[in-house]
Amino acid sequence: MRLGPDTSTGDRATIAGMVANNAAGSRSLYFGSMVEAVEEVSLILSNGELVHFGPLNERQWQQKMALSNLEGDIYRTLERIRQKKEVIEKHFPPLPRRSSGYQLRELIKPFPLNPARLIAGSE
């Protein structure tokens, strides 16, 4: 097994930092960047709530949107963004390597959706 990204600061790099920067490296076109390697992420939200993001089928996505907490707010916002597929396709064309910013194209893929992959490159 191999983690795709190579970092120039390998002696100081952390996995979290590599996710935040969507690390890639010289072999990223072959091995991929962090967005392709991220399967799940656990985060502490601004209200102190611990949440887990990972792949969700359509039923699970609907259940998350129905939550009456900050996590539910996040999923409802993601759904509103998801509904703007044409805008995302126009302004975020598919590139072999998009190294910064939210990975909005991850939201317009078919289910299962993985919101953890939105985080790669978000810093």
PDB file of N, CA and C in Angstrom:
ATOM      1  N   MET A   1       0.844  -1.181   0.000  1.00  0.00           N
ATOM      2  CA  MET A   1       0.000   0.000   0.000  1.00  0.00           C
ATOM      3  C   MET A   1       0.886   1.240   0.000  1.00  0.00           C
ATOM      4  N   ARG A   2       0.380   2.290  -0.619  1.00  0.00           N
ATOM      5  CA  ARG A   2       1.143   3.522  -0.695  1.00  0.00           C
ATOM      6  C   ARG A   2       0.186   4.693  -0.592  1.00  0.00           C
ATOM      7  N   LEU A   3       0.558   5.662   0.224  1.00  0.00           N
ATOM      8  CA  LEU A   3      -0.166   6.927   0.266  1.00  0.00           C
ATOM      9  C   LEU A   3       0.357   7.756  -0.895  1.00  0.00           C
ATOM     10  N   GLY A   4      -0.522   8.192  -1.753  1.00  0.00           N
ATOM     11  CA  GLY A   4      -0.127   8.879  -2.978  1.00  0.00           C
ATOM     12  C   GLY A   4       0.791  10.074  -2.825  1.00  0.00           C
ATOM     13  N   PRO A   5       0.445  11.040  -1.984  1.00  0.00           N
ATOM     14  CA  PRO A   5       1.240  12.258  -1.936  1.00  0.00           C
ATOM     15  C   PRO A   5       2.648  12.058  -1.379  1.00  0.00           C
ATOM     16  N   ASP A   6       3.579  12.767  -1.986  1.00  0.00           N
ATOM     17  CA  ASP A   6       4.933  12.913  -1.455  1.00  0.00           C
ATOM     18  C   ASP A   6       5.032  14.352  -0.987  1.00  0.00           C
ATOM     19  N   THR A   7       5.553  14.554   0.183  1.00  0.00           N
ATOM     20  CA  THR A   7       5.695  15.928   0.650  1.00  0.00           C
ATOM     21  C   THR A   7       7.169  16.306   0.695  1.00  0.00           C
ATOM     22  N   SER A   8       7.426  17.563   0.415  1.00  0.00           N
ATOM     23  CA  SER A   8       8.808  18.024   0.434  1.00  0.00           C
ATOM     24  C   SER A   8       9.320  18.160   1.865  1.00  0.00           C
ATOM     25  N   THR A   9       8.399  18.236   2.817  1.00  0.00           N
ATOM     26  CA  THR A   9       8.789  18.351   4.235  1.00  0.00           C
ATOM     27  C   THR A   9       8.457  17.063   4.958  1.00  0.00           C
ATOM     28  N   GLY A  10       8.841  15.950   4.388  1.00  0.00           N
ATOM     29  CA  GLY A  10       8.490  14.635   4.913  1.00  0.00           C
ATOM     30  C   GLY A  10       8.859  14.415   6.360  1.00  0.00           C
ATOM     31  N   ASP A  11       9.905  15.076   6.839  1.00  0.00           N
ATOM     32  CA  ASP A  11      10.293  14.879   8.238  1.00  0.00           C
ATOM     33  C   ASP A  11       9.428  15.688   9.197  1.00  0.00           C
ATOM     34  N   ARG A  12       8.578  16.586   8.674  1.00  0.00           N
ATOM     35  CA  ARG A  12       7.723  17.408   9.541  1.00  0.00           C
ATOM     36  C   ARG A  12       6.245  17.300   9.183  1.00  0.00           C
ATOM     37  N   ALA A  13       5.909  16.607   8.124  1.00  0.00           N
ATOM     38  CA  ALA A  13       4.528  16.540   7.652  1.00  0.00           C
ATOM     39  C   ALA A  13       3.672  15.685   8.578  1.00  0.00           C
ATOM     40  N   THR A  14       2.405  16.058   8.691  1.00  0.00           N
ATOM     41  CA  THR A  14       1.430  15.255   9.430  1.00  0.00           C
ATOM     42  C   THR A  14       0.296  14.915   8.468  1.00  0.00           C
ATOM     43  N   ILE A  15      -0.407  13.865   8.774  1.00  0.00           N
ATOM     44  CA  ILE A  15      -1.536  13.471   7.927  1.00  0.00           C
ATOM     45  C   ILE A  15      -2.578  14.593   7.884  1.00  0.00           C
ATOM     46  N   ALA A  16      -2.892  15.196   9.030  1.00  0.00           N
ATOM     47  CA  ALA A  16      -3.892  16.275   9.058  1.00  0.00           C
ATOM     48  C   ALA A  16      -3.453  17.448   8.194  1.00  0.00           C
ATOM     49  N   GLY A  17      -2.191  17.807   8.264  1.00  0.00           N
ATOM     50  CA  GLY A  17      -1.685  18.892   7.433  1.00  0.00           C
ATOM     51  C   GLY A  17      -1.734  18.548   5.962  1.00  0.00           C
ATOM     52  N   MET A  18      -1.463  17.288   5.654  1.00  0.00           N
ATOM     53  CA  MET A  18      -1.519  16.848   4.257  1.00  0.00           C
ATOM     54  C   MET A  18      -2.947  16.895   3.729  1.00  0.00           C
ATOM     55  N   VAL A  19      -3.916  16.553   4.578  1.00  0.00           N
ATOM     56  CA  VAL A  19      -5.322  16.648   4.172  1.00  0.00           C
ATOM     57  C   VAL A  19      -5.698  18.109   3.977  1.00  0.00           C
ATOM     58  N   ALA A  20      -5.357  18.954   4.945  1.00  0.00           N
ATOM     59  CA  ALA A  20      -5.721  20.380   4.880  1.00  0.00           C
ATOM     60  C   ALA A  20      -5.178  21.050   3.627  1.00  0.00           C
ATOM     61  N   ASN A  21      -4.013  20.636   3.172  1.00  0.00           N
ATOM     62  CA  ASN A  21      -3.391  21.235   1.989  1.00  0.00           C
ATOM     63  C   ASN A  21      -3.629  20.433   0.715  1.00  0.00           C
ATOM     64  N   ASN A  22      -4.363  19.348   0.812  1.00  0.00           N
ATOM     65  CA  ASN A  22      -4.554  18.431  -0.305  1.00  0.00           C
ATOM     66  C   ASN A  22      -3.191  18.115  -0.935  1.00  0.00           C
ATOM     67  N   ALA A  23      -2.289  17.642  -0.099  1.00  0.00           N
ATOM     68  CA  ALA A  23      -0.925  17.353  -0.520  1.00  0.00           C
ATOM     69  C   ALA A  23      -0.919  16.449  -1.742  1.00  0.00           C
ATOM     70  N   ALA A  24       0.087  16.655  -2.571  1.00  0.00           N
ATOM     71  CA  ALA A  24       0.156  15.881  -3.802  1.00  0.00           C
ATOM     72  C   ALA A  24       1.580  15.368  -4.037  1.00  0.00           C
ATOM     73  N   GLY A  25       2.458  16.226  -4.461  1.00  0.00           N
ATOM     74  CA  GLY A  25       3.832  15.814  -4.726  1.00  0.00           C
ATOM     75  C   GLY A  25       4.057  15.471  -6.180  1.00  0.00           C
ATOM     76  N   SER A  26       5.290  15.121  -6.467  1.00  0.00           N
ATOM     77  CA  SER A  26       5.715  14.927  -7.855  1.00  0.00           C
ATOM     78  C   SER A  26       5.067  13.722  -8.530  1.00  0.00           C
ATOM     79  N   ARG A  27       4.563  12.778  -7.769  1.00  0.00           N
ATOM     80  CA  ARG A  27       3.947  11.579  -8.368  1.00  0.00           C
ATOM     81  C   ARG A  27       2.418  11.590  -8.275  1.00  0.00           C
ATOM     82  N   SER A  28       1.840  12.753  -8.024  1.00  0.00           N
ATOM     83  CA  SER A  28       0.395  12.829  -7.781  1.00  0.00           C
ATOM     84  C   SER A  28      -0.444  12.441  -8.992  1.00  0.00           C
ATOM     85  N   LEU A  29       0.024  12.700 -10.188  1.00  0.00           N
ATOM     86  CA  LEU A  29      -0.775  12.344 -11.359  1.00  0.00           C
ATOM     87  C   LEU A  29      -0.911  10.831 -11.483  1.00  0.00           C
ATOM     88  N   TYR A  30       0.045  10.107 -10.946  1.00  0.00           N
ATOM     89  CA  TYR A  30      -0.018   8.647 -10.980  1.00  0.00           C
ATOM     90  C   TYR A  30      -0.678   8.080  -9.718  1.00  0.00           C
ATOM     91  N   PHE A  31      -0.247   8.561  -8.539  1.00  0.00           N
ATOM     92  CA  PHE A  31      -0.721   8.010  -7.268  1.00  0.00           C
ATOM     93  C   PHE A  31      -1.893   8.782  -6.660  1.00  0.00           C
ATOM     94  N   GLY A  32      -2.176   9.988  -7.155  1.00  0.00           N
ATOM     95  CA  GLY A  32      -3.272  10.785  -6.622  1.00  0.00           C
ATOM     96  C   GLY A  32      -2.840  11.716  -5.499  1.00  0.00           C
ATOM     97  N   SER A  33      -3.724  12.630  -5.166  1.00  0.00           N
ATOM     98  CA  SER A  33      -3.478  13.558  -4.069  1.00  0.00           C
ATOM     99  C   SER A  33      -4.307  13.115  -2.864  1.00  0.00           C
ATOM    100  N   MET A  34      -4.260  13.879  -1.803  1.00  0.00           N
ATOM    101  CA  MET A  34      -4.943  13.474  -0.566  1.00  0.00           C
ATOM    102  C   MET A  34      -6.447  13.325  -0.740  1.00  0.00           C
ATOM    103  N   VAL A  35      -7.062  14.115  -1.618  1.00  0.00           N
ATOM    104  CA  VAL A  35      -8.515  13.999  -1.786  1.00  0.00           C
ATOM    105  C   VAL A  35      -8.907  12.585  -2.206  1.00  0.00           C
ATOM    106  N   GLU A  36      -8.063  11.925  -2.984  1.00  0.00           N
ATOM    107  CA  GLU A  36      -8.361  10.553  -3.380  1.00  0.00           C
ATOM    108  C   GLU A  36      -8.080   9.549  -2.260  1.00  0.00           C
ATOM    109  N   ALA A  37      -7.265   9.931  -1.299  1.00  0.00           N
ATOM    110  CA  ALA A  37      -6.885   9.025  -0.213  1.00  0.00           C
ATOM    111  C   ALA A  37      -7.785   9.142   1.015  1.00  0.00           C
ATOM    112  N   VAL A  38      -8.505  10.252   1.136  1.00  0.00           N
ATOM    113  CA  VAL A  38      -9.329  10.482   2.320  1.00  0.00           C
ATOM    114  C   VAL A  38     -10.594   9.632   2.240  1.00  0.00           C
ATOM    115  N   GLU A  39     -10.808   8.809   3.246  1.00  0.00           N
ATOM    116  CA  GLU A  39     -12.027   8.007   3.335  1.00  0.00           C
ATOM    117  C   GLU A  39     -12.943   8.525   4.441  1.00  0.00           C
ATOM    118  N   GLU A  40     -12.365   8.872   5.581  1.00  0.00           N
ATOM    119  CA  GLU A  40     -13.147   9.339   6.723  1.00  0.00           C
ATOM    120  C   GLU A  40     -12.356  10.397   7.482  1.00  0.00           C
ATOM    121  N   VAL A  41     -13.092  11.319   8.102  1.00  0.00           N
ATOM    122  CA  VAL A  41     -12.477  12.370   8.910  1.00  0.00           C
ATOM    123  C   VAL A  41     -13.348  12.597  10.136  1.00  0.00           C
ATOM    124  N   SER A  42     -12.722  12.730  11.281  1.00  0.00           N
ATOM    125  CA  SER A  42     -13.427  13.136  12.501  1.00  0.00           C
ATOM    126  C   SER A  42     -12.988  14.554  12.824  1.00  0.00           C
ATOM    127  N   LEU A  43     -13.961  15.405  13.139  1.00  0.00           N
ATOM    128  CA  LEU A  43     -13.693  16.815  13.408  1.00  0.00           C
ATOM    129  C   LEU A  43     -14.413  17.260  14.671  1.00  0.00           C
ATOM    130  N   ILE A  44     -13.864  18.269  15.303  1.00  0.00           N
ATOM    131  CA  ILE A  44     -14.562  18.938  16.398  1.00  0.00           C
ATOM    132  C   ILE A  44     -15.079  20.250  15.835  1.00  0.00           C
ATOM    133  N   LEU A  45     -16.397  20.431  15.883  1.00  0.00           N
ATOM    134  CA  LEU A  45     -17.024  21.632  15.344  1.00  0.00           C
ATOM    135  C   LEU A  45     -16.877  22.804  16.308  1.00  0.00           C
ATOM    136  N   SER A  46     -17.279  23.975  15.864  1.00  0.00           N
ATOM    137  CA  SER A  46     -17.133  25.186  16.668  1.00  0.00           C
ATOM    138  C   SER A  46     -17.910  25.137  17.981  1.00  0.00           C
ATOM    139  N   ASN A  47     -18.933  24.302  18.059  1.00  0.00           N
ATOM    140  CA  ASN A  47     -19.708  24.182  19.297  1.00  0.00           C
ATOM    141  C   ASN A  47     -19.169  23.074  20.207  1.00  0.00           C
ATOM    142  N   GLY A  48     -18.034  22.469  19.835  1.00  0.00           N
ATOM    143  CA  GLY A  48     -17.432  21.413  20.631  1.00  0.00           C
ATOM    144  C   GLY A  48     -17.922  20.020  20.288  1.00  0.00           C
ATOM    145  N   GLU A  49     -18.855  19.920  19.379  1.00  0.00           N
ATOM    146  CA  GLU A  49     -19.421  18.634  18.975  1.00  0.00           C
ATOM    147  C   GLU A  49     -18.414  17.861  18.109  1.00  0.00           C
ATOM    148  N   LEU A  50     -18.226  16.586  18.428  1.00  0.00           N
ATOM    149  CA  LEU A  50     -17.374  15.710  17.628  1.00  0.00           C
ATOM    150  C   LEU A  50     -18.232  15.063  16.554  1.00  0.00           C
ATOM    151  N   VAL A  51     -17.841  15.212  15.299  1.00  0.00           N
ATOM    152  CA  VAL A  51     -18.589  14.617  14.197  1.00  0.00           C
ATOM    153  C   VAL A  51     -17.657  13.764  13.342  1.00  0.00           C
ATOM    154  N   HIS A  52     -18.253  12.816  12.689  1.00  0.00           N
ATOM    155  CA  HIS A  52     -17.522  11.907  11.830  1.00  0.00           C
ATOM    156  C   HIS A  52     -18.084  12.050  10.423  1.00  0.00           C
ATOM    157  N   PHE A  53     -17.214  12.303   9.457  1.00  0.00           N
ATOM    158  CA  PHE A  53     -17.621  12.405   8.066  1.00  0.00           C
ATOM    159  C   PHE A  53     -17.042  11.232   7.300  1.00  0.00           C
ATOM    160  N   GLY A  54     -17.866  10.592   6.496  1.00  0.00           N
ATOM    161  CA  GLY A  54     -17.453   9.461   5.678  1.00  0.00           C
ATOM    162  C   GLY A  54     -18.485   9.225   4.598  1.00  0.00           C
ATOM    163  N   PRO A  55     -18.340   8.160   3.834  1.00  0.00           N
ATOM    164  CA  PRO A  55     -19.270   7.895   2.737  1.00  0.00           C
ATOM    165  C   PRO A  55     -20.690   7.640   3.234  1.00  0.00           C
ATOM    166  N   LEU A  56     -21.660   8.230   2.532  1.00  0.00           N
ATOM    167  CA  LEU A  56     -23.073   8.082   2.895  1.00  0.00           C
ATOM    168  C   LEU A  56     -23.894   7.753   1.655  1.00  0.00           C
ATOM    169  N   ASN A  57     -24.811   6.808   1.825  1.00  0.00           N
ATOM    170  CA  ASN A  57     -25.758   6.577   0.740  1.00  0.00           C
ATOM    171  C   ASN A  57     -26.863   7.633   0.843  1.00  0.00           C
ATOM    172  N   GLU A  58     -27.797   7.614  -0.095  1.00  0.00           N
ATOM    173  CA  GLU A  58     -28.812   8.668  -0.133  1.00  0.00           C
ATOM    174  C   GLU A  58     -29.688   8.681   1.122  1.00  0.00           C
ATOM    175  N   ARG A  59     -30.057   7.532   1.638  1.00  0.00           N
ATOM    176  CA  ARG A  59     -30.868   7.464   2.863  1.00  0.00           C
ATOM    177  C   ARG A  59     -30.103   8.042   4.052  1.00  0.00           C
ATOM    178  N   GLN A  60     -28.846   7.694   4.187  1.00  0.00           N
ATOM    179  CA  GLN A  60     -28.028   8.212   5.289  1.00  0.00           C
ATOM    180  C   GLN A  60     -27.852   9.724   5.170  1.00  0.00           C
ATOM    181  N   TRP A  61     -27.690  10.213   3.930  1.00  0.00           N
ATOM    182  CA  TRP A  61     -27.558  11.656   3.689  1.00  0.00           C
ATOM    183  C   TRP A  61     -28.823  12.376   4.175  1.00  0.00           C
ATOM    184  N   GLN A  62     -29.988  11.832   3.843  1.00  0.00           N
ATOM    185  CA  GLN A  62     -31.257  12.422   4.278  1.00  0.00           C
ATOM    186  C   GLN A  62     -31.363  12.427   5.805  1.00  0.00           C
ATOM    187  N   GLN A  63     -30.924  11.356   6.440  1.00  0.00           N
ATOM    188  CA  GLN A  63     -30.951  11.283   7.908  1.00  0.00           C
ATOM    189  C   GLN A  63     -30.059  12.350   8.524  1.00  0.00           C
ATOM    190  N   LYS A  64     -28.902  12.572   7.937  1.00  0.00           N
ATOM    191  CA  LYS A  64     -27.996  13.614   8.450  1.00  0.00           C
ATOM    192  C   LYS A  64     -28.630  14.995   8.297  1.00  0.00           C
ATOM    193  N   MET A  65     -29.303  15.241   7.180  1.00  0.00           N
ATOM    194  CA  MET A  65     -29.951  16.541   6.978  1.00  0.00           C
ATOM    195  C   MET A  65     -31.083  16.765   7.968  1.00  0.00           C
ATOM    196  N   ALA A  66     -31.667  15.696   8.485  1.00  0.00           N
ATOM    197  CA  ALA A  66     -32.786  15.814   9.423  1.00  0.00           C
ATOM    198  C   ALA A  66     -32.335  16.094  10.855  1.00  0.00           C
ATOM    199  N   LEU A  67     -31.028  16.000  11.125  1.00  0.00           N
ATOM    200  CA  LEU A  67     -30.541  16.256  12.487  1.00  0.00           C
ATOM    201  C   LEU A  67     -30.810  17.708  12.875  1.00  0.00           C
ATOM    202  N   SER A  68     -31.135  17.936  14.134  1.00  0.00           N
ATOM    203  CA  SER A  68     -31.424  19.303  14.597  1.00  0.00           C
ATOM    204  C   SER A  68     -30.261  19.856  15.412  1.00  0.00           C
ATOM    205  N   ASN A  69     -29.060  19.728  14.853  1.00  0.00           N
ATOM    206  CA  ASN A  69     -27.868  20.267  15.515  1.00  0.00           C
ATOM    207  C   ASN A  69     -26.964  20.872  14.445  1.00  0.00           C
ATOM    208  N   LEU A  70     -25.765  21.272  14.838  1.00  0.00           N
ATOM    209  CA  LEU A  70     -24.847  21.899  13.893  1.00  0.00           C
ATOM    210  C   LEU A  70     -24.466  20.946  12.764  1.00  0.00           C
ATOM    211  N   GLU A  71     -24.331  19.677  13.063  1.00  0.00           N
ATOM    212  CA  GLU A  71     -24.032  18.702  12.013  1.00  0.00           C
ATOM    213  C   GLU A  71     -25.147  18.682  10.966  1.00  0.00           C
ATOM    214  N   GLY A  72     -26.392  18.710  11.403  1.00  0.00           N
ATOM    215  CA  GLY A  72     -27.516  18.769  10.474  1.00  0.00           C
ATOM    216  C   GLY A  72     -27.479  20.040   9.637  1.00  0.00           C
ATOM    217  N   ASP A  73     -27.125  21.165  10.275  1.00  0.00           N
ATOM    218  CA  ASP A  73     -26.990  22.428   9.545  1.00  0.00           C
ATOM    219  C   ASP A  73     -25.953  22.301   8.436  1.00  0.00           C
ATOM    220  N   ILE A  74     -24.850  21.637   8.736  1.00  0.00           N
ATOM    221  CA  ILE A  74     -23.790  21.444   7.737  1.00  0.00           C
ATOM    222  C   ILE A  74     -24.317  20.649   6.559  1.00  0.00           C
ATOM    223  N   TYR A  75     -25.009  19.561   6.827  1.00  0.00           N
ATOM    224  CA  TYR A  75     -25.529  18.731   5.737  1.00  0.00           C
ATOM    225  C   TYR A  75     -26.600  19.461   4.923  1.00  0.00           C
ATOM    226  N   ARG A  76     -27.441  20.254   5.578  1.00  0.00           N
ATOM    227  CA  ARG A  76     -28.441  21.021   4.830  1.00  0.00           C
ATOM    228  C   ARG A  76     -27.755  22.056   3.932  1.00  0.00           C
ATOM    229  N   THR A  77     -26.687  22.665   4.416  1.00  0.00           N
ATOM    230  CA  THR A  77     -25.931  23.617   3.597  1.00  0.00           C
ATOM    231  C   THR A  77     -25.261  22.906   2.441  1.00  0.00           C
ATOM    232  N   LEU A  78     -24.677  21.735   2.705  1.00  0.00           N
ATOM    233  CA  LEU A  78     -24.057  20.969   1.624  1.00  0.00           C
ATOM    234  C   LEU A  78     -25.085  20.592   0.562  1.00  0.00           C
ATOM    235  N   GLU A  79     -26.288  20.267   0.995  1.00  0.00           N
ATOM    236  CA  GLU A  79     -27.342  19.918   0.033  1.00  0.00           C
ATOM    237  C   GLU A  79     -27.710  21.120  -0.830  1.00  0.00           C
ATOM    238  N   ARG A  80     -27.789  22.313  -0.217  1.00  0.00           N
ATOM    239  CA  ARG A  80     -28.085  23.514  -0.998  1.00  0.00           C
ATOM    240  C   ARG A  80     -26.981  23.760  -2.041  1.00  0.00           C
ATOM    241  N   ILE A  81     -25.748  23.541  -1.658  1.00  0.00           N
ATOM    242  CA  ILE A  81     -24.629  23.695  -2.600  1.00  0.00           C
ATOM    243  C   ILE A  81     -24.730  22.626  -3.691  1.00  0.00           C
ATOM    244  N   ARG A  82     -25.054  21.411  -3.291  1.00  0.00           N
ATOM    245  CA  ARG A  82     -25.189  20.286  -4.227  1.00  0.00           C
ATOM    246  C   ARG A  82     -26.204  20.575  -5.328  1.00  0.00           C
ATOM    247  N   GLN A  83     -27.230  21.330  -4.992  1.00  0.00           N
ATOM    248  CA  GLN A  83     -28.285  21.650  -5.952  1.00  0.00           C
ATOM    249  C   GLN A  83     -27.802  22.611  -7.038  1.00  0.00           C
ATOM    250  N   LYS A  84     -26.628  23.179  -6.882  1.00  0.00           N
ATOM    251  CA  LYS A  84     -26.065  24.119  -7.863  1.00  0.00           C
ATOM    252  C   LYS A  84     -25.046  23.407  -8.759  1.00  0.00           C
ATOM    253  N   LYS A  85     -25.395  22.227  -9.202  1.00  0.00           N
ATOM    254  CA  LYS A  85     -24.493  21.387  -9.994  1.00  0.00           C
ATOM    255  C   LYS A  85     -23.939  22.116 -11.215  1.00  0.00           C
ATOM    256  N   GLU A  86     -24.794  22.833 -11.953  1.00  0.00           N
ATOM    257  CA  GLU A  86     -24.344  23.517 -13.172  1.00  0.00           C
ATOM    258  C   GLU A  86     -23.298  24.578 -12.854  1.00  0.00           C
ATOM    259  N   VAL A  87     -23.478  25.291 -11.770  1.00  0.00           N
ATOM    260  CA  VAL A  87     -22.523  26.329 -11.366  1.00  0.00           C
ATOM    261  C   VAL A  87     -21.186  25.688 -10.988  1.00  0.00           C
ATOM    262  N   ILE A  88     -21.249  24.595 -10.248  1.00  0.00           N
ATOM    263  CA  ILE A  88     -20.019  23.891  -9.846  1.00  0.00           C
ATOM    264  C   ILE A  88     -19.303  23.373 -11.085  1.00  0.00           C
ATOM    265  N   GLU A  89     -20.031  22.760 -12.002  1.00  0.00           N
ATOM    266  CA  GLU A  89     -19.405  22.240 -13.220  1.00  0.00           C
ATOM    267  C   GLU A  89     -18.760  23.350 -14.046  1.00  0.00           C
ATOM    268  N   LYS A  90     -19.403  24.519 -14.074  1.00  0.00           N
ATOM    269  CA  LYS A  90     -18.884  25.635 -14.871  1.00  0.00           C
ATOM    270  C   LYS A  90     -17.632  26.250 -14.244  1.00  0.00           C
ATOM    271  N   HIS A  91     -17.670  26.479 -12.952  1.00  0.00           N
ATOM    272  CA  HIS A  91     -16.581  27.215 -12.296  1.00  0.00           C
ATOM    273  C   HIS A  91     -15.497  26.334 -11.685  1.00  0.00           C
ATOM    274  N   PHE A  92     -15.731  25.042 -11.600  1.00  0.00           N
ATOM    275  CA  PHE A  92     -14.748  24.106 -11.054  1.00  0.00           C
ATOM    276  C   PHE A  92     -14.568  22.961 -12.046  1.00  0.00           C
ATOM    277  N   PRO A  93     -13.947  23.241 -13.195  1.00  0.00           N
ATOM    278  CA  PRO A  93     -13.797  22.188 -14.206  1.00  0.00           C
ATOM    279  C   PRO A  93     -12.933  21.043 -13.675  1.00  0.00           C
ATOM    280  N   PRO A  94     -13.126  19.856 -14.221  1.00  0.00           N
ATOM    281  CA  PRO A  94     -12.296  18.728 -13.776  1.00  0.00           C
ATOM    282  C   PRO A  94     -10.837  18.976 -14.150  1.00  0.00           C
ATOM    283  N   LEU A  95      -9.978  18.900 -13.181  1.00  0.00           N
ATOM    284  CA  LEU A  95      -8.546  19.082 -13.388  1.00  0.00           C
ATOM    285  C   LEU A  95      -7.824  17.860 -12.842  1.00  0.00           C
ATOM    286  N   PRO A  96      -6.675  17.522 -13.407  1.00  0.00           N
ATOM    287  CA  PRO A  96      -5.948  16.372 -12.858  1.00  0.00           C
ATOM    288  C   PRO A  96      -5.450  16.622 -11.442  1.00  0.00           C
ATOM    289  N   ARG A  97      -5.311  17.895 -11.076  1.00  0.00           N
ATOM    290  CA  ARG A  97      -4.848  18.194  -9.724  1.00  0.00           C
ATOM    291  C   ARG A  97      -5.383  19.558  -9.294  1.00  0.00           C
ATOM    292  N   ARG A  98      -6.328  19.572  -8.382  1.00  0.00           N
ATOM    293  CA  ARG A  98      -6.848  20.811  -7.791  1.00  0.00           C
ATOM    294  C   ARG A  98      -6.350  20.810  -6.356  1.00  0.00           C
ATOM    295  N   SER A  99      -5.405  21.681  -6.065  1.00  0.00           N
ATOM    296  CA  SER A  99      -4.701  21.559  -4.790  1.00  0.00           C
ATOM    297  C   SER A  99      -5.251  22.417  -3.662  1.00  0.00           C
ATOM    298  N   SER A 100      -6.116  23.370  -3.938  1.00  0.00           N
ATOM    299  CA  SER A 100      -6.601  24.191  -2.825  1.00  0.00           C
ATOM    300  C   SER A 100      -8.079  24.500  -2.995  1.00  0.00           C
ATOM    301  N   GLY A 101      -8.684  24.849  -1.889  1.00  0.00           N
ATOM    302  CA  GLY A 101     -10.103  25.159  -1.885  1.00  0.00           C
ATOM    303  C   GLY A 101     -10.952  23.926  -1.639  1.00  0.00           C
ATOM    304  N   TYR A 102     -12.206  24.161  -1.327  1.00  0.00           N
ATOM    305  CA  TYR A 102     -13.114  23.041  -1.099  1.00  0.00           C
ATOM    306  C   TYR A 102     -13.305  22.247  -2.385  1.00  0.00           C
ATOM    307  N   GLN A 103     -13.340  20.956  -2.263  1.00  0.00           N
ATOM    308  CA  GLN A 103     -13.469  20.052  -3.409  1.00  0.00           C
ATOM    309  C   GLN A 103     -14.954  19.892  -3.758  1.00  0.00           C
ATOM    310  N   LEU A 104     -15.571  20.972  -4.256  1.00  0.00           N
ATOM    311  CA  LEU A 104     -17.017  20.980  -4.496  1.00  0.00           C
ATOM    312  C   LEU A 104     -17.464  19.939  -5.506  1.00  0.00           C
ATOM    313  N   ARG A 105     -16.596  19.537  -6.409  1.00  0.00           N
ATOM    314  CA  ARG A 105     -16.984  18.513  -7.382  1.00  0.00           C
ATOM    315  C   ARG A 105     -17.319  17.195  -6.695  1.00  0.00           C
ATOM    316  N   GLU A 106     -16.814  17.001  -5.473  1.00  0.00           N
ATOM    317  CA  GLU A 106     -17.153  15.792  -4.718  1.00  0.00           C
ATOM    318  C   GLU A 106     -18.642  15.743  -4.396  1.00  0.00           C
ATOM    319  N   LEU A 107     -19.286  16.915  -4.298  1.00  0.00           N
ATOM    320  CA  LEU A 107     -20.715  16.975  -3.966  1.00  0.00           C
ATOM    321  C   LEU A 107     -21.624  16.613  -5.128  1.00  0.00           C
ATOM    322  N   ILE A 108     -21.125  16.688  -6.347  1.00  0.00           N
ATOM    323  CA  ILE A 108     -22.004  16.440  -7.486  1.00  0.00           C
ATOM    324  C   ILE A 108     -21.800  15.047  -8.078  1.00  0.00           C
ATOM    325  N   LYS A 109     -21.036  14.238  -7.404  1.00  0.00           N
ATOM    326  CA  LYS A 109     -20.878  12.846  -7.817  1.00  0.00           C
ATOM    327  C   LYS A 109     -22.134  12.079  -7.411  1.00  0.00           C
ATOM    328  N   PRO A 110     -22.369  10.930  -8.009  1.00  0.00           N
ATOM    329  CA  PRO A 110     -23.510  10.110  -7.570  1.00  0.00           C
ATOM    330  C   PRO A 110     -23.256   9.516  -6.189  1.00  0.00           C
ATOM    331  N   PHE A 111     -24.326   9.141  -5.505  1.00  0.00           N
ATOM    332  CA  PHE A 111     -24.186   8.490  -4.197  1.00  0.00           C
ATOM    333  C   PHE A 111     -23.445   7.179  -4.367  1.00  0.00           C
ATOM    334  N   PRO A 112     -22.676   6.779  -3.367  1.00  0.00           N
ATOM    335  CA  PRO A 112     -22.487   7.404  -2.065  1.00  0.00           C
ATOM    336  C   PRO A 112     -21.608   8.650  -2.163  1.00  0.00           C
ATOM    337  N   LEU A 113     -21.975   9.661  -1.384  1.00  0.00           N
ATOM    338  CA  LEU A 113     -21.201  10.893  -1.286  1.00  0.00           C
ATOM    339  C   LEU A 113     -20.304  10.820  -0.063  1.00  0.00           C
ATOM    340  N   ASN A 114     -19.141  11.431  -0.164  1.00  0.00           N
ATOM    341  CA  ASN A 114     -18.215  11.427   0.963  1.00  0.00           C
ATOM    342  C   ASN A 114     -17.845  12.858   1.329  1.00  0.00           C
ATOM    343  N   PRO A 115     -18.532  13.470   2.302  1.00  0.00           N
ATOM    344  CA  PRO A 115     -18.220  14.843   2.689  1.00  0.00           C
ATOM    345  C   PRO A 115     -16.820  14.996   3.280  1.00  0.00           C
ATOM    346  N   ALA A 116     -16.194  13.905   3.706  1.00  0.00           N
ATOM    347  CA  ALA A 116     -14.817  13.997   4.204  1.00  0.00           C
ATOM    348  C   ALA A 116     -13.892  14.515   3.117  1.00  0.00           C
ATOM    349  N   ARG A 117     -14.190  14.216   1.891  1.00  0.00           N
ATOM    350  CA  ARG A 117     -13.328  14.644   0.778  1.00  0.00           C
ATOM    351  C   ARG A 117     -13.446  16.134   0.477  1.00  0.00           C
ATOM    352  N   LEU A 118     -14.482  16.780   0.970  1.00  0.00           N
ATOM    353  CA  LEU A 118     -14.598  18.231   0.813  1.00  0.00           C
ATOM    354  C   LEU A 118     -13.505  18.957   1.583  1.00  0.00           C
ATOM    355  N   ILE A 119     -13.045  18.333   2.632  1.00  0.00           N
ATOM    356  CA  ILE A 119     -12.108  18.966   3.552  1.00  0.00           C
ATOM    357  C   ILE A 119     -10.711  19.048   2.959  1.00  0.00           C
ATOM    358  N   ALA A 120     -10.362  18.109   2.082  1.00  0.00           N
ATOM    359  CA  ALA A 120      -9.027  18.098   1.491  1.00  0.00           C
ATOM    360  C   ALA A 120      -8.785  19.388   0.710  1.00  0.00           C
ATOM    361  N   GLY A 121      -7.811  20.157   1.116  1.00  0.00           N
ATOM    362  CA  GLY A 121      -7.490  21.419   0.471  1.00  0.00           C
ATOM    363  C   GLY A 121      -8.160  22.622   1.092  1.00  0.00           C
ATOM    364  N   SER A 122      -8.986  22.424   2.107  1.00  0.00           N
ATOM    365  CA  SER A 122      -9.743  23.530   2.700  1.00  0.00           C
ATOM    366  C   SER A 122      -8.923  24.387   3.659  1.00  0.00           C
ATOM    367  N   GLU A 123      -7.800  23.875   4.101  1.00  0.00           N
ATOM    368  CA  GLU A 123      -6.938  24.518   5.090  1.00  0.00           C
ATOM    369  C   GLU A 123      -7.742  25.007   6.256  1.00  0.00           C
TER     370      GLU A 123
END
